[in-house]
Amino acid sequence: MDLQLTGKRALVTGASRGIGKAIALALANEGVDVAIAARSLDALTLTALELADATGRRIVPLVADTGDDASVRALVEQAIYELGGIDILVNNAATPGGAAPAATIAQASGAAVLDDVNIKVAGYLRTAQALAPHLVAGGWGRIINIGGLAARGTGHYVASIRNVAVSALTKNLADELGPHGVTANVIHPCGTRTEKTTPEAEAKIAAGNTIGRIVDASEIAWLVAVLASPLSGAINGETIAAGGGTPKVINY
């Protein structure tokens, strides 16, 4: 199926490795030019060269800290300048797994919550806030936020709090921007195979879902590409789980 993405332009945060890198690759394979953002220039540069070579699309590495207002404003301005505009925003930058440990109320701390939320939730807000006027002016856009299935379970205070907040933020964006042709949706992965996943971690994750295997980062990236497509306009303000299925739970 042609997702009608050729010629679109995307900004993907947290894209030097892992799920973000897989997302940038999937979009580029669909004909999208991509600005990739992270905090390490060396890692970004290597990833940009790798993806450009693999896809033939323009991949622009941009250093940014999503925990800082000025850095995010500069990131969005530079991405628009480099690519001539942005049509798709994928928010993925976060502390992997959330600030740890926080399995019990005694372990959780306000400082950890604030630090983690500043990067992931407020960071997502910052990028959307900086880019929204540009998307609205163009009459079309896609915002896809990567959350996490900790939003639907207990066991890690900070991870649960931040990912629930991502869904709340996204629904607000969807309701406000939807009438202007801009949709916003959330994907909640669970443990996902990336370049750093160990066989032991894979086995543990596979034992906890209903498909009996770990989900690969490329599968999350495929879902992002579908939601980024002009064909996905009927989907707005939704939270989509992509963790291989949670046993014995009914979400409705």
Protein backbone atom coordinates (compact mmCIF):
# COMPACT_ATOMS: atom_id res chain seq x y z
CA MET A 1 0.00 0.00 0.00
CA ASP A 2 1.20 3.49 -0.84
CA LEU A 3 1.01 5.50 2.37
CA GLN A 4 1.23 8.74 0.35
CA LEU A 5 4.17 9.98 2.40
CA THR A 6 6.62 10.72 -0.41
CA GLY A 7 7.83 14.30 -0.13
CA LYS A 8 6.64 14.78 3.46
CA ARG A 9 9.04 16.11 6.08
CA ALA A 10 9.37 14.82 9.62
CA LEU A 11 11.05 15.69 12.90
CA VAL A 12 11.81 12.71 15.16
CA THR A 13 13.22 13.27 18.64
CA GLY A 14 15.29 10.72 20.53
CA ALA A 15 16.29 9.33 17.14
CA SER A 16 19.99 8.52 17.38
CA ARG A 17 19.21 4.92 18.37
CA GLY A 18 16.49 2.50 19.42
CA ILE A 19 12.84 3.07 18.56
CA GLY A 20 13.48 6.63 17.36
CA LYS A 21 16.10 5.46 14.88
CA ALA A 22 13.77 2.73 13.62
CA ILE A 23 11.00 5.31 13.17
CA ALA A 24 13.26 7.61 11.17
CA LEU A 25 14.26 4.68 8.95
CA ALA A 26 10.66 3.62 8.35
CA LEU A 27 9.59 7.13 7.43
CA ALA A 28 12.58 7.62 5.13
CA ASN A 29 11.78 4.32 3.41
CA GLU A 30 8.34 5.77 2.68
CA GLY A 31 9.88 8.80 0.97
CA VAL A 32 10.04 11.20 3.92
CA ASP A 33 12.96 13.55 4.57
CA VAL A 34 13.73 13.45 8.28
CA ALA A 35 15.34 15.71 10.86
CA ILE A 36 16.57 13.53 13.71
CA ALA A 37 17.23 15.01 17.14
CA ALA A 38 19.08 13.88 20.24
CA ARG A 39 21.68 15.22 22.66
CA SER A 40 24.79 13.56 21.20
CA LEU A 41 26.12 14.97 17.94
CA ASP A 42 28.46 12.04 17.33
CA ALA A 43 25.70 9.44 17.59
CA LEU A 44 23.32 11.57 15.54
CA THR A 45 25.84 12.09 12.77
CA LEU A 46 26.56 8.37 12.45
CA THR A 47 22.85 7.56 12.40
CA ALA A 48 22.12 10.25 9.82
CA LEU A 49 24.82 8.92 7.51
CA GLU A 50 23.59 5.34 7.94
CA LEU A 51 19.95 6.19 7.24
CA ALA A 52 20.71 8.46 4.30
CA ASP A 53 22.84 5.75 2.73
CA ALA A 54 20.14 3.12 3.28
CA THR A 55 17.19 5.16 2.01
CA GLY A 56 18.48 7.87 -0.31
CA ARG A 57 16.47 10.48 1.60
CA ARG A 58 17.77 13.59 3.32
CA ILE A 59 18.47 12.93 7.00
CA VAL A 60 19.45 15.99 9.05
CA PRO A 61 21.06 15.54 12.49
CA LEU A 62 20.13 18.25 15.01
CA VAL A 63 21.38 18.42 18.59
CA ALA A 64 18.71 19.38 21.12
CA ASP A 65 17.68 18.98 24.74
CA THR A 66 13.91 18.55 24.97
CA GLY A 67 14.10 19.48 28.65
CA ASP A 68 14.95 23.08 27.72
CA ASP A 69 12.54 25.62 26.21
CA ALA A 70 15.10 27.55 24.18
CA SER A 71 16.72 24.38 22.85
CA VAL A 72 13.39 23.06 21.58
CA ARG A 73 12.44 26.34 19.91
CA ALA A 74 15.81 26.37 18.16
CA LEU A 75 15.37 22.74 17.13
CA VAL A 76 12.01 23.33 15.49
CA GLU A 77 13.21 26.49 13.73
CA GLN A 78 16.29 24.70 12.40
CA ALA A 79 14.31 21.65 11.26
CA ILE A 80 11.89 23.85 9.34
CA TYR A 81 14.79 25.76 7.80
CA GLU A 82 16.75 22.65 6.81
CA LEU A 83 13.83 20.74 5.27
CA GLY A 84 11.76 23.69 4.07
CA GLY A 85 8.99 22.81 6.51
CA ILE A 86 7.80 20.04 8.81
CA ASP A 87 4.65 17.97 8.31
CA ILE A 88 5.13 15.20 10.87
CA LEU A 89 6.33 15.35 14.48
CA VAL A 90 7.29 12.17 16.31
CA ASN A 91 8.05 12.74 19.98
CA ASN A 92 10.22 9.95 21.34
CA ALA A 93 12.94 11.56 23.52
CA ALA A 94 12.82 10.22 27.08
CA THR A 95 14.85 8.65 29.86
CA PRO A 96 14.73 4.93 28.92
CA GLY A 97 12.40 3.10 31.28
CA GLY A 98 11.85 6.15 33.43
CA ALA A 99 13.83 7.34 36.43
CA ALA A 100 14.71 4.30 38.52
CA PRO A 101 14.20 2.75 40.93
CA ALA A 102 10.60 3.65 41.72
CA ALA A 103 8.81 0.36 42.37
CA THR A 104 7.55 1.48 45.80
CA ILE A 105 6.34 4.73 47.25
CA ALA A 106 9.46 4.80 49.43
CA GLN A 107 11.69 4.64 46.34
CA ALA A 108 9.78 7.23 44.32
CA SER A 109 10.85 10.84 44.67
CA GLY A 110 9.35 14.11 43.61
CA ALA A 111 12.64 15.13 42.04
CA ALA A 112 12.71 11.99 39.88
CA VAL A 113 9.13 12.59 38.76
CA LEU A 114 9.83 16.20 37.87
CA ASP A 115 13.04 15.37 36.00
CA ASP A 116 11.43 12.58 34.01
CA VAL A 117 8.26 14.49 33.25
CA ASN A 118 10.31 17.50 32.18
CA ILE A 119 12.07 15.46 29.51
CA LYS A 120 9.19 13.34 28.28
CA VAL A 121 5.89 15.09 28.97
CA ALA A 122 6.94 18.76 29.03
CA GLY A 123 9.42 17.95 26.26
CA TYR A 124 6.63 16.61 24.07
CA LEU A 125 4.57 19.70 24.91
CA ARG A 126 7.47 21.99 23.99
CA THR A 127 7.99 20.48 20.54
CA ALA A 128 4.26 20.42 19.78
CA GLN A 129 3.85 23.98 21.00
CA ALA A 130 6.72 25.22 18.85
CA LEU A 131 5.57 23.37 15.74
CA ALA A 132 1.78 23.68 16.01
CA PRO A 133 1.49 27.16 14.42
CA HIS A 134 3.49 25.91 11.41
CA LEU A 135 1.28 22.83 11.01
CA VAL A 136 -1.94 24.81 11.42
CA ALA A 137 -0.78 27.37 8.85
CA GLY A 138 -0.22 24.53 6.40
CA GLY A 139 -3.63 23.02 7.10
CA TRP A 140 -2.23 19.52 7.66
CA GLY A 141 -0.01 17.65 10.06
CA ARG A 142 0.59 14.60 12.18
CA ILE A 143 1.81 14.44 15.79
CA ILE A 144 2.70 10.98 17.08
CA ASN A 145 3.80 10.63 20.68
CA ILE A 146 5.60 7.53 21.93
CA GLY A 147 4.42 6.65 25.43
CA GLY A 148 4.67 3.28 27.15
CA LEU A 149 2.46 0.55 28.56
CA ALA A 150 3.55 1.44 32.09
CA ALA A 151 0.58 3.80 31.74
CA ARG A 152 -1.71 0.79 32.13
CA GLY A 153 0.00 -0.99 34.98
CA THR A 154 1.61 -0.58 38.36
CA GLY A 155 5.16 -1.36 39.43
CA HIS A 156 6.99 1.84 38.51
CA TYR A 157 5.59 5.09 39.84
CA VAL A 158 7.48 7.46 37.57
CA ALA A 159 7.02 5.47 34.36
CA SER A 160 3.29 5.14 34.99
CA ILE A 161 2.85 8.82 35.77
CA ARG A 162 4.74 10.07 32.73
CA ASN A 163 3.03 7.78 30.24
CA VAL A 164 -0.48 8.48 31.50
CA ALA A 165 0.39 12.16 31.13
CA VAL A 166 1.50 11.62 27.52
CA SER A 167 -1.98 10.30 26.67
CA ALA A 168 -3.63 13.28 28.39
CA LEU A 169 -1.39 15.74 26.56
CA THR A 170 -2.07 14.06 23.23
CA LYS A 171 -5.85 14.13 23.60
CA ASN A 172 -5.73 17.83 24.34
CA LEU A 173 -3.64 18.40 21.20
CA ALA A 174 -6.02 16.28 19.15
CA ASP A 175 -9.12 18.16 20.23
CA GLU A 176 -7.56 21.57 19.66
CA LEU A 177 -5.70 20.91 16.42
CA GLY A 178 -7.97 18.36 14.75
CA PRO A 179 -10.25 20.99 13.17
CA HIS A 180 -7.14 22.46 11.51
CA GLY A 181 -6.18 19.21 9.79
CA VAL A 182 -3.61 18.17 12.40
CA THR A 183 -4.09 14.85 14.20
CA ALA A 184 -2.35 13.64 17.36
CA ASN A 185 -2.10 10.06 18.61
CA VAL A 186 -0.13 7.99 21.12
CA ILE A 187 1.59 4.64 20.73
CA HIS A 188 2.27 2.71 23.95
CA PRO A 189 5.06 0.15 23.38
CA CYS A 190 6.14 -2.28 26.06
CA GLY A 191 9.59 -3.83 26.17
CA THR A 192 10.86 -3.62 22.59
CA ARG A 193 13.83 -5.12 20.79
CA THR A 194 16.48 -2.56 19.93
CA GLU A 195 20.21 -2.79 19.31
CA LYS A 196 20.82 -3.01 23.08
CA THR A 197 18.28 -5.70 24.05
CA THR A 198 19.79 -8.81 25.64
CA PRO A 199 18.52 -12.37 25.07
CA GLU A 200 17.60 -12.55 28.76
CA ALA A 201 15.48 -9.40 28.49
CA GLU A 202 13.82 -10.69 25.32
CA ALA A 203 12.80 -13.92 27.03
CA LYS A 204 11.35 -12.09 30.03
CA ILE A 205 9.36 -9.70 27.84
CA ALA A 206 8.09 -12.52 25.60
CA ALA A 207 6.79 -14.39 28.65
CA GLY A 208 4.68 -11.38 29.65
CA ASN A 209 2.60 -10.81 26.50
CA THR A 210 0.09 -12.79 24.46
CA ILE A 211 2.12 -13.27 21.27
CA GLY A 212 4.98 -15.08 23.01
CA ARG A 213 7.77 -12.99 21.52
CA ILE A 214 9.28 -9.56 21.90
CA VAL A 215 8.04 -6.75 19.65
CA ASP A 216 10.74 -5.37 17.38
CA ALA A 217 11.39 -1.63 17.08
CA SER A 218 10.61 -1.91 13.36
CA GLU A 219 7.04 -2.90 14.24
CA ILE A 220 6.56 0.26 16.30
CA ALA A 221 8.07 2.21 13.42
CA TRP A 222 5.60 0.67 10.95
CA LEU A 223 2.70 1.80 13.13
CA VAL A 224 4.14 5.32 13.28
CA ALA A 225 4.35 5.40 9.48
CA VAL A 226 0.70 4.36 9.22
CA LEU A 227 -0.42 7.07 11.66
CA ALA A 228 1.75 9.61 9.83
CA SER A 229 0.04 8.85 6.53
CA PRO A 230 -2.57 11.14 4.98
CA LEU A 231 -4.74 7.99 4.90
CA SER A 232 -4.99 7.95 8.72
CA GLY A 233 -7.08 11.10 9.12
CA ALA A 234 -9.94 9.26 10.83
CA ILE A 235 -7.70 8.39 13.80
CA ASN A 236 -7.29 11.28 16.23
CA GLY A 237 -6.69 11.52 19.97
CA GLU A 238 -6.27 7.77 20.37
CA THR A 239 -3.88 5.73 22.50
CA ILE A 240 -2.79 2.55 20.73
CA ALA A 241 -1.06 -0.25 22.62
CA ALA A 242 1.72 -2.03 20.74
CA GLY A 243 3.26 -4.36 23.28
CA GLY A 244 2.22 -7.75 21.99
CA GLY A 245 -1.00 -7.90 24.00
CA THR A 246 -1.47 -7.78 27.78
CA PRO A 247 -2.83 -11.04 29.22
CA LYS A 248 -6.11 -11.07 31.20
CA VAL A 249 -6.83 -7.38 30.69
CA ILE A 250 -9.78 -5.93 28.77
CA ASN A 251 -9.41 -2.33 27.62
CA TYR A 252 -12.59 -0.72 26.41
